[in-house]
Amino acid sequence: MSETQTTRITAGTPAPGADSRALGLAHYAARGVLEHVLARHGVTFQQQIALRAAVTAETAQTPDQLVRSVRSSLKADPAEVSATLDELLNRGLLVAEGPHLLPTQAGRELLAAVAAETAPISARVWDGIPAEDLAAAGRVLALVTARANAELAALTA
């Protein structure tokens, strides 16, 4: 897609409607960029999510707490998440300390490197989108997330 086409799509009218397909396409486009960067570091998307959960937690997390956190984010099978935590332990990106799993310096450095690589890409993706549009999108996405989580909970109850 040329720069002109991109500008026309993002700045032109009428805007396409927002629906599950549009949301999915945006998610997978952004995730594709992130996975490309992660692959250069030998890390999977799920590993990055699990490592980030450990790094950003307010308190040290047990394996069960991390599994719940990642499962909540990705809707992933708990056994898969546990296997992912084992992979992070084996790579030295997490370390067991008593009942907790803690990020290592190598784990923190990996996340910092990925963030540094993706920052300029993210800046280009979000560039020029008016603040009020971003605020509206944030509110809509939060509402869609809450409703979809409620529907999933009802389906799995």
N, C-alpha and C. Protein backbone atom coordinates (compact mmCIF):
# COMPACT_ATOMS: atom_id res chain seq x y z
N MET A 1 0.85 -1.16 0.00
CA MET A 1 0.00 0.00 0.00
C MET A 1 0.90 1.23 0.00
N SER A 2 0.59 2.18 -0.88
CA SER A 2 1.42 3.37 -0.97
C SER A 2 1.11 4.33 0.17
N GLU A 3 2.03 5.30 0.36
CA GLU A 3 1.83 6.30 1.40
C GLU A 3 0.53 7.07 1.15
N THR A 4 0.24 7.37 -0.12
CA THR A 4 -0.99 8.09 -0.45
C THR A 4 -2.22 7.29 -0.05
N GLN A 5 -2.21 5.99 -0.35
CA GLN A 5 -3.34 5.15 0.03
C GLN A 5 -3.48 5.09 1.55
N THR A 6 -2.39 4.97 2.27
CA THR A 6 -2.44 4.92 3.72
C THR A 6 -3.01 6.21 4.27
N THR A 7 -2.53 7.35 3.77
CA THR A 7 -3.02 8.64 4.23
C THR A 7 -4.50 8.78 3.95
N ARG A 8 -4.94 8.37 2.76
CA ARG A 8 -6.34 8.47 2.40
C ARG A 8 -7.20 7.62 3.32
N ILE A 9 -6.74 6.42 3.65
CA ILE A 9 -7.50 5.53 4.52
C ILE A 9 -7.60 6.12 5.92
N THR A 10 -6.49 6.64 6.45
CA THR A 10 -6.50 7.11 7.83
C THR A 10 -7.10 8.50 7.97
N ALA A 11 -6.98 9.35 6.95
CA ALA A 11 -7.45 10.72 7.08
C ALA A 11 -8.72 10.98 6.27
N GLY A 12 -9.05 10.09 5.36
CA GLY A 12 -10.19 10.32 4.47
C GLY A 12 -11.52 9.99 5.11
N THR A 13 -12.57 10.39 4.41
CA THR A 13 -13.92 10.05 4.84
C THR A 13 -14.61 9.38 3.67
N PRO A 14 -15.59 8.57 3.84
CA PRO A 14 -16.11 8.15 5.14
C PRO A 14 -15.22 7.07 5.74
N ALA A 15 -15.22 7.02 7.05
CA ALA A 15 -14.42 6.03 7.76
C ALA A 15 -15.12 4.68 7.73
N PRO A 16 -14.35 3.61 7.62
CA PRO A 16 -14.98 2.28 7.68
C PRO A 16 -15.57 2.05 9.06
N GLY A 17 -16.62 1.23 9.11
CA GLY A 17 -17.24 0.93 10.39
C GLY A 17 -16.36 0.05 11.24
N ALA A 18 -16.51 0.20 12.54
CA ALA A 18 -15.78 -0.66 13.47
C ALA A 18 -16.61 -1.89 13.76
N ASP A 19 -16.00 -3.05 13.63
CA ASP A 19 -16.67 -4.30 13.95
C ASP A 19 -15.61 -5.32 14.34
N SER A 20 -16.03 -6.53 14.61
CA SER A 20 -15.09 -7.56 15.06
C SER A 20 -14.00 -7.82 14.02
N ARG A 21 -14.34 -7.78 12.76
CA ARG A 21 -13.35 -8.02 11.72
C ARG A 21 -12.30 -6.91 11.70
N ALA A 22 -12.75 -5.66 11.77
CA ALA A 22 -11.81 -4.54 11.77
C ALA A 22 -10.89 -4.62 12.99
N LEU A 23 -11.47 -4.95 14.14
CA LEU A 23 -10.68 -5.09 15.36
C LEU A 23 -9.65 -6.21 15.20
N GLY A 24 -10.08 -7.34 14.66
CA GLY A 24 -9.17 -8.46 14.45
C GLY A 24 -8.06 -8.13 13.47
N LEU A 25 -8.38 -7.44 12.38
CA LEU A 25 -7.36 -7.08 11.41
C LEU A 25 -6.32 -6.15 12.03
N ALA A 26 -6.78 -5.18 12.83
CA ALA A 26 -5.84 -4.26 13.50
C ALA A 26 -4.96 -5.04 14.48
N HIS A 27 -5.59 -5.93 15.24
CA HIS A 27 -4.83 -6.73 16.21
C HIS A 27 -3.75 -7.54 15.51
N TYR A 28 -4.12 -8.26 14.47
CA TYR A 28 -3.15 -9.14 13.82
C TYR A 28 -2.09 -8.37 13.05
N ALA A 29 -2.42 -7.19 12.54
CA ALA A 29 -1.40 -6.37 11.89
C ALA A 29 -0.36 -5.92 12.91
N ALA A 30 -0.82 -5.42 14.04
CA ALA A 30 0.10 -4.97 15.08
C ALA A 30 0.87 -6.15 15.67
N ARG A 31 0.18 -7.26 15.89
CA ARG A 31 0.84 -8.43 16.45
C ARG A 31 1.89 -8.97 15.47
N GLY A 32 1.61 -8.90 14.19
CA GLY A 32 2.58 -9.35 13.19
C GLY A 32 3.88 -8.56 13.28
N VAL A 33 3.77 -7.26 13.48
CA VAL A 33 4.96 -6.43 13.65
C VAL A 33 5.72 -6.88 14.89
N LEU A 34 5.01 -7.01 16.01
CA LEU A 34 5.65 -7.42 17.26
C LEU A 34 6.29 -8.79 17.12
N GLU A 35 5.60 -9.75 16.52
CA GLU A 35 6.14 -11.10 16.39
C GLU A 35 7.39 -11.12 15.52
N HIS A 36 7.45 -10.23 14.53
CA HIS A 36 8.64 -10.13 13.69
C HIS A 36 9.84 -9.70 14.54
N VAL A 37 9.63 -8.72 15.40
CA VAL A 37 10.70 -8.26 16.29
C VAL A 37 11.04 -9.34 17.31
N LEU A 38 10.03 -9.96 17.90
CA LEU A 38 10.28 -11.01 18.89
C LEU A 38 11.08 -12.17 18.30
N ALA A 39 10.80 -12.52 17.06
CA ALA A 39 11.50 -13.64 16.42
C ALA A 39 13.00 -13.37 16.34
N ARG A 40 13.37 -12.11 16.14
CA ARG A 40 14.80 -11.77 16.09
C ARG A 40 15.48 -12.03 17.44
N HIS A 41 14.68 -12.05 18.50
CA HIS A 41 15.20 -12.30 19.83
C HIS A 41 14.93 -13.74 20.29
N GLY A 42 14.34 -14.55 19.42
CA GLY A 42 14.07 -15.94 19.76
C GLY A 42 12.99 -16.12 20.81
N VAL A 43 12.03 -15.21 20.83
CA VAL A 43 10.96 -15.24 21.83
C VAL A 43 9.62 -15.29 21.12
N THR A 44 8.68 -16.05 21.68
CA THR A 44 7.34 -16.11 21.11
C THR A 44 6.46 -15.02 21.73
N PHE A 45 5.34 -14.79 21.09
CA PHE A 45 4.38 -13.80 21.59
C PHE A 45 3.94 -14.17 23.01
N GLN A 46 3.60 -15.44 23.22
CA GLN A 46 3.13 -15.86 24.54
C GLN A 46 4.23 -15.74 25.58
N GLN A 47 5.46 -16.04 25.22
CA GLN A 47 6.56 -15.87 26.16
C GLN A 47 6.71 -14.40 26.56
N GLN A 48 6.59 -13.51 25.61
CA GLN A 48 6.72 -12.09 25.87
C GLN A 48 5.60 -11.62 26.79
N ILE A 49 4.38 -12.09 26.57
CA ILE A 49 3.25 -11.72 27.42
C ILE A 49 3.47 -12.21 28.84
N ALA A 50 3.94 -13.44 28.99
CA ALA A 50 4.19 -14.00 30.32
C ALA A 50 5.32 -13.26 31.03
N LEU A 51 6.38 -12.98 30.31
CA LEU A 51 7.51 -12.25 30.89
C LEU A 51 7.07 -10.85 31.31
N ARG A 52 6.31 -10.19 30.47
CA ARG A 52 5.82 -8.85 30.79
C ARG A 52 4.92 -8.89 32.03
N ALA A 53 4.11 -9.93 32.17
CA ALA A 53 3.26 -10.07 33.35
C ALA A 53 4.11 -10.16 34.61
N ALA A 54 5.21 -10.88 34.54
CA ALA A 54 6.10 -11.00 35.70
C ALA A 54 6.80 -9.68 35.99
N VAL A 55 7.23 -8.99 34.96
CA VAL A 55 7.96 -7.74 35.13
C VAL A 55 7.06 -6.63 35.66
N THR A 56 5.83 -6.57 35.19
CA THR A 56 4.95 -5.45 35.55
C THR A 56 4.09 -5.71 36.78
N ALA A 57 4.13 -6.91 37.33
CA ALA A 57 3.34 -7.21 38.52
C ALA A 57 3.79 -6.33 39.69
N GLU A 58 2.84 -5.89 40.48
CA GLU A 58 3.17 -5.04 41.63
C GLU A 58 3.89 -5.82 42.72
N THR A 59 3.62 -7.11 42.82
CA THR A 59 4.28 -7.96 43.81
C THR A 59 4.77 -9.22 43.10
N ALA A 60 5.67 -9.93 43.76
CA ALA A 60 6.17 -11.19 43.21
C ALA A 60 5.00 -12.15 43.00
N GLN A 61 5.04 -12.87 41.89
CA GLN A 61 3.94 -13.75 41.50
C GLN A 61 4.33 -15.22 41.62
N THR A 62 3.37 -16.02 42.05
CA THR A 62 3.56 -17.47 42.01
C THR A 62 3.29 -17.94 40.59
N PRO A 63 3.71 -19.15 40.25
CA PRO A 63 3.37 -19.67 38.93
C PRO A 63 1.86 -19.64 38.66
N ASP A 64 1.05 -20.01 39.64
CA ASP A 64 -0.40 -20.01 39.45
C ASP A 64 -0.92 -18.60 39.16
N GLN A 65 -0.38 -17.61 39.85
CA GLN A 65 -0.80 -16.23 39.60
C GLN A 65 -0.43 -15.78 38.19
N LEU A 66 0.77 -16.13 37.76
CA LEU A 66 1.17 -15.77 36.40
C LEU A 66 0.33 -16.49 35.36
N VAL A 67 0.03 -17.75 35.60
CA VAL A 67 -0.83 -18.49 34.67
C VAL A 67 -2.18 -17.79 34.56
N ARG A 68 -2.76 -17.41 35.68
CA ARG A 68 -4.06 -16.71 35.65
C ARG A 68 -3.96 -15.38 34.90
N SER A 69 -2.89 -14.65 35.13
CA SER A 69 -2.71 -13.36 34.47
C SER A 69 -2.60 -13.51 32.96
N VAL A 70 -1.77 -14.44 32.52
CA VAL A 70 -1.59 -14.65 31.08
C VAL A 70 -2.86 -15.23 30.47
N ARG A 71 -3.49 -16.13 31.17
CA ARG A 71 -4.75 -16.71 30.67
C ARG A 71 -5.80 -15.63 30.51
N SER A 72 -5.86 -14.71 31.46
CA SER A 72 -6.81 -13.61 31.38
C SER A 72 -6.55 -12.74 30.15
N SER A 73 -5.29 -12.52 29.85
CA SER A 73 -4.94 -11.68 28.69
C SER A 73 -5.15 -12.40 27.37
N LEU A 74 -4.65 -13.63 27.28
CA LEU A 74 -4.63 -14.35 26.00
C LEU A 74 -5.73 -15.38 25.82
N LYS A 75 -6.45 -15.68 26.88
CA LYS A 75 -7.46 -16.74 26.85
C LYS A 75 -6.81 -18.06 26.45
N ALA A 76 -5.58 -18.26 26.89
CA ALA A 76 -4.80 -19.44 26.54
C ALA A 76 -5.06 -20.56 27.54
N ASP A 77 -4.81 -21.78 27.09
CA ASP A 77 -4.94 -22.95 27.93
C ASP A 77 -3.93 -22.88 29.07
N PRO A 78 -4.36 -23.12 30.31
CA PRO A 78 -3.42 -23.04 31.44
C PRO A 78 -2.20 -23.94 31.29
N ALA A 79 -2.38 -25.12 30.72
CA ALA A 79 -1.23 -26.02 30.53
C ALA A 79 -0.21 -25.41 29.56
N GLU A 80 -0.69 -24.72 28.52
CA GLU A 80 0.21 -24.04 27.58
C GLU A 80 0.96 -22.91 28.27
N VAL A 81 0.26 -22.17 29.12
CA VAL A 81 0.89 -21.06 29.83
C VAL A 81 1.94 -21.60 30.80
N SER A 82 1.63 -22.68 31.50
CA SER A 82 2.62 -23.31 32.39
C SER A 82 3.85 -23.74 31.62
N ALA A 83 3.65 -24.31 30.44
CA ALA A 83 4.78 -24.71 29.60
C ALA A 83 5.59 -23.49 29.17
N THR A 84 4.92 -22.40 28.90
CA THR A 84 5.61 -21.16 28.54
C THR A 84 6.47 -20.66 29.70
N LEU A 85 5.93 -20.72 30.91
CA LEU A 85 6.71 -20.32 32.09
C LEU A 85 7.94 -21.20 32.24
N ASP A 86 7.79 -22.49 31.99
CA ASP A 86 8.94 -23.41 32.05
C ASP A 86 9.99 -23.01 31.01
N GLU A 87 9.54 -22.63 29.82
CA GLU A 87 10.48 -22.21 28.77
C GLU A 87 11.25 -20.96 29.22
N LEU A 88 10.56 -20.03 29.85
CA LEU A 88 11.21 -18.81 30.32
C LEU A 88 12.20 -19.12 31.44
N LEU A 89 11.85 -20.06 32.31
CA LEU A 89 12.79 -20.50 33.35
C LEU A 89 14.02 -21.15 32.73
N ASN A 90 13.81 -22.02 31.76
CA ASN A 90 14.92 -22.73 31.11
C ASN A 90 15.84 -21.78 30.36
N ARG A 91 15.31 -20.68 29.86
CA ARG A 91 16.12 -19.68 29.13
C ARG A 91 16.76 -18.68 30.07
N GLY A 92 16.45 -18.76 31.36
CA GLY A 92 17.03 -17.82 32.30
C GLY A 92 16.40 -16.44 32.26
N LEU A 93 15.18 -16.35 31.75
CA LEU A 93 14.47 -15.07 31.70
C LEU A 93 13.59 -14.88 32.93
N LEU A 94 13.24 -16.00 33.57
CA LEU A 94 12.59 -16.01 34.88
C LEU A 94 13.43 -16.89 35.79
N VAL A 95 13.30 -16.66 37.10
CA VAL A 95 13.99 -17.49 38.08
C VAL A 95 13.01 -17.78 39.22
N ALA A 96 13.07 -19.01 39.74
CA ALA A 96 12.24 -19.37 40.88
C ALA A 96 12.95 -18.91 42.15
N GLU A 97 12.22 -18.19 42.97
CA GLU A 97 12.73 -17.76 44.26
C GLU A 97 11.66 -18.07 45.29
N GLY A 98 11.85 -19.17 46.02
CA GLY A 98 10.80 -19.64 46.92
C GLY A 98 9.59 -20.01 46.07
N PRO A 99 8.41 -19.56 46.49
CA PRO A 99 7.21 -19.91 45.73
C PRO A 99 6.94 -18.98 44.54
N HIS A 100 7.83 -18.04 44.30
CA HIS A 100 7.59 -17.03 43.28
C HIS A 100 8.48 -17.22 42.05
N LEU A 101 7.99 -16.69 40.93
CA LEU A 101 8.79 -16.60 39.72
C LEU A 101 9.10 -15.12 39.51
N LEU A 102 10.38 -14.81 39.40
CA LEU A 102 10.81 -13.42 39.24
C LEU A 102 11.54 -13.25 37.92
N PRO A 103 11.37 -12.09 37.30
CA PRO A 103 12.13 -11.83 36.08
C PRO A 103 13.61 -11.64 36.41
N THR A 104 14.46 -12.15 35.56
CA THR A 104 15.90 -11.95 35.73
C THR A 104 16.30 -10.65 35.02
N GLN A 105 17.53 -10.26 35.24
CA GLN A 105 18.05 -9.08 34.53
C GLN A 105 17.99 -9.32 33.02
N ALA A 106 18.31 -10.55 32.60
CA ALA A 106 18.24 -10.88 31.17
C ALA A 106 16.81 -10.75 30.65
N GLY A 107 15.83 -11.14 31.46
CA GLY A 107 14.43 -10.99 31.06
C GLY A 107 14.04 -9.53 30.91
N ARG A 108 14.46 -8.71 31.87
CA ARG A 108 14.17 -7.27 31.81
C ARG A 108 14.85 -6.62 30.60
N GLU A 109 16.09 -7.03 30.36
CA GLU A 109 16.83 -6.48 29.22
C GLU A 109 16.19 -6.88 27.89
N LEU A 110 15.69 -8.10 27.81
CA LEU A 110 15.01 -8.54 26.60
C LEU A 110 13.78 -7.67 26.33
N LEU A 111 12.95 -7.47 27.36
CA LEU A 111 11.77 -6.63 27.17
C LEU A 111 12.16 -5.21 26.78
N ALA A 112 13.22 -4.68 27.38
CA ALA A 112 13.68 -3.33 27.04
C ALA A 112 14.15 -3.26 25.59
N ALA A 113 14.85 -4.29 25.13
CA ALA A 113 15.33 -4.32 23.75
C ALA A 113 14.16 -4.38 22.77
N VAL A 114 13.18 -5.21 23.08
CA VAL A 114 12.00 -5.30 22.21
C VAL A 114 11.26 -3.97 22.19
N ALA A 115 11.11 -3.35 23.35
CA ALA A 115 10.43 -2.05 23.41
C ALA A 115 11.18 -1.00 22.60
N ALA A 116 12.51 -1.01 22.69
CA ALA A 116 13.30 -0.04 21.93
C ALA A 116 13.16 -0.26 20.43
N GLU A 117 13.07 -1.49 20.01
CA GLU A 117 12.92 -1.78 18.57
C GLU A 117 11.52 -1.45 18.07
N THR A 118 10.51 -1.68 18.90
CA THR A 118 9.14 -1.45 18.44
C THR A 118 8.70 0.00 18.60
N ALA A 119 9.37 0.77 19.45
CA ALA A 119 8.95 2.15 19.71
C ALA A 119 8.86 3.01 18.44
N PRO A 120 9.87 3.02 17.57
CA PRO A 120 9.74 3.86 16.38
C PRO A 120 8.65 3.37 15.42
N ILE A 121 8.44 2.06 15.40
CA ILE A 121 7.38 1.51 14.54
C ILE A 121 6.02 1.95 15.09
N SER A 122 5.84 1.80 16.41
CA SER A 122 4.60 2.23 17.04
C SER A 122 4.34 3.71 16.82
N ALA A 123 5.40 4.50 16.91
CA ALA A 123 5.25 5.95 16.70
C ALA A 123 4.72 6.23 15.29
N ARG A 124 5.24 5.51 14.30
CA ARG A 124 4.75 5.71 12.93
C ARG A 124 3.31 5.25 12.78
N VAL A 125 2.96 4.14 13.42
CA VAL A 125 1.59 3.61 13.32
C VAL A 125 0.58 4.59 13.91
N TRP A 126 0.91 5.17 15.06
CA TRP A 126 -0.03 6.04 15.77
C TRP A 126 0.09 7.51 15.36
N ASP A 127 1.09 7.86 14.58
CA ASP A 127 1.35 9.25 14.21
C ASP A 127 0.15 9.90 13.52
N GLY A 128 -0.16 11.07 13.97
CA GLY A 128 -1.19 11.87 13.32
C GLY A 128 -2.62 11.54 13.68
N ILE A 129 -2.83 10.56 14.53
CA ILE A 129 -4.19 10.25 14.95
C ILE A 129 -4.56 11.22 16.07
N PRO A 130 -5.63 11.98 15.86
CA PRO A 130 -6.00 12.99 16.87
C PRO A 130 -6.25 12.37 18.25
N ALA A 131 -5.87 13.10 19.29
CA ALA A 131 -6.02 12.63 20.67
C ALA A 131 -7.47 12.25 20.97
N GLU A 132 -8.41 13.02 20.46
CA GLU A 132 -9.82 12.70 20.75
C GLU A 132 -10.25 11.39 20.08
N ASP A 133 -9.68 11.08 18.93
CA ASP A 133 -9.96 9.79 18.28
C ASP A 133 -9.36 8.64 19.09
N LEU A 134 -8.14 8.84 19.59
CA LEU A 134 -7.51 7.81 20.41
C LEU A 134 -8.28 7.59 21.70
N ALA A 135 -8.76 8.67 22.30
CA ALA A 135 -9.56 8.54 23.54
C ALA A 135 -10.86 7.79 23.26
N ALA A 136 -11.52 8.12 22.15
CA ALA A 136 -12.77 7.43 21.81
C ALA A 136 -12.50 5.95 21.52
N ALA A 137 -11.45 5.68 20.79
CA ALA A 137 -11.09 4.29 20.48
C ALA A 137 -10.78 3.53 21.77
N GLY A 138 -10.08 4.15 22.68
CA GLY A 138 -9.77 3.51 23.95
C GLY A 138 -11.01 3.16 24.73
N ARG A 139 -11.97 4.08 24.76
CA ARG A 139 -13.23 3.80 25.48
C ARG A 139 -13.99 2.67 24.82
N VAL A 140 -14.06 2.68 23.51
CA VAL A 140 -14.79 1.63 22.79
C VAL A 140 -14.10 0.28 22.98
N LEU A 141 -12.78 0.24 22.87
CA LEU A 141 -12.06 -1.02 23.03
C LEU A 141 -12.21 -1.57 24.45
N ALA A 142 -12.19 -0.71 25.45
CA ALA A 142 -12.40 -1.17 26.83
C ALA A 142 -13.79 -1.77 26.99
N LEU A 143 -14.79 -1.15 26.39
CA LEU A 143 -16.16 -1.66 26.48
C LEU A 143 -16.30 -2.99 25.73
N VAL A 144 -15.73 -3.07 24.54
CA VAL A 144 -15.77 -4.32 23.77
C VAL A 144 -15.06 -5.44 24.53
N THR A 145 -13.92 -5.13 25.13
CA THR A 145 -13.18 -6.14 25.91
C THR A 145 -14.02 -6.63 27.08
N ALA A 146 -14.61 -5.72 27.82
CA ALA A 146 -15.43 -6.11 28.98
C ALA A 146 -16.61 -6.96 28.54
N ARG A 147 -17.28 -6.57 27.48
CA ARG A 147 -18.44 -7.33 27.01
C ARG A 147 -18.03 -8.71 26.49
N ALA A 148 -16.95 -8.77 25.73
CA ALA A 148 -16.49 -10.05 25.20
C ALA A 148 -16.05 -10.97 26.33
N ASN A 149 -15.37 -10.42 27.34
CA ASN A 149 -14.98 -11.23 28.50
C ASN A 149 -16.21 -11.77 29.22
N ALA A 150 -17.25 -10.96 29.34
CA ALA A 150 -18.48 -11.42 29.99
C ALA A 150 -19.14 -12.53 29.16
N GLU A 151 -19.16 -12.39 27.86
CA GLU A 151 -19.74 -13.42 26.99
C GLU A 151 -18.94 -14.72 27.09
N LEU A 152 -17.61 -14.60 27.11
CA LEU A 152 -16.78 -15.79 27.24
C LEU A 152 -17.02 -16.48 28.59
N ALA A 153 -17.13 -15.69 29.65
CA ALA A 153 -17.39 -16.26 30.97
C ALA A 153 -18.73 -17.01 30.98
N ALA A 154 -19.74 -16.45 30.32
CA ALA A 154 -21.04 -17.10 30.26
C ALA A 154 -20.96 -18.41 29.46
N LEU A 155 -20.18 -18.39 28.38
CA LEU A 155 -20.05 -19.58 27.54
C LEU A 155 -19.29 -20.71 28.25
N THR A 156 -18.38 -20.35 29.13
CA THR A 156 -17.53 -21.36 29.77
C THR A 156 -17.98 -21.69 31.19
N ALA A 157 -19.08 -21.08 31.63
CA ALA A 157 -19.57 -21.34 33.00
C ALA A 157 -20.23 -22.70 33.10
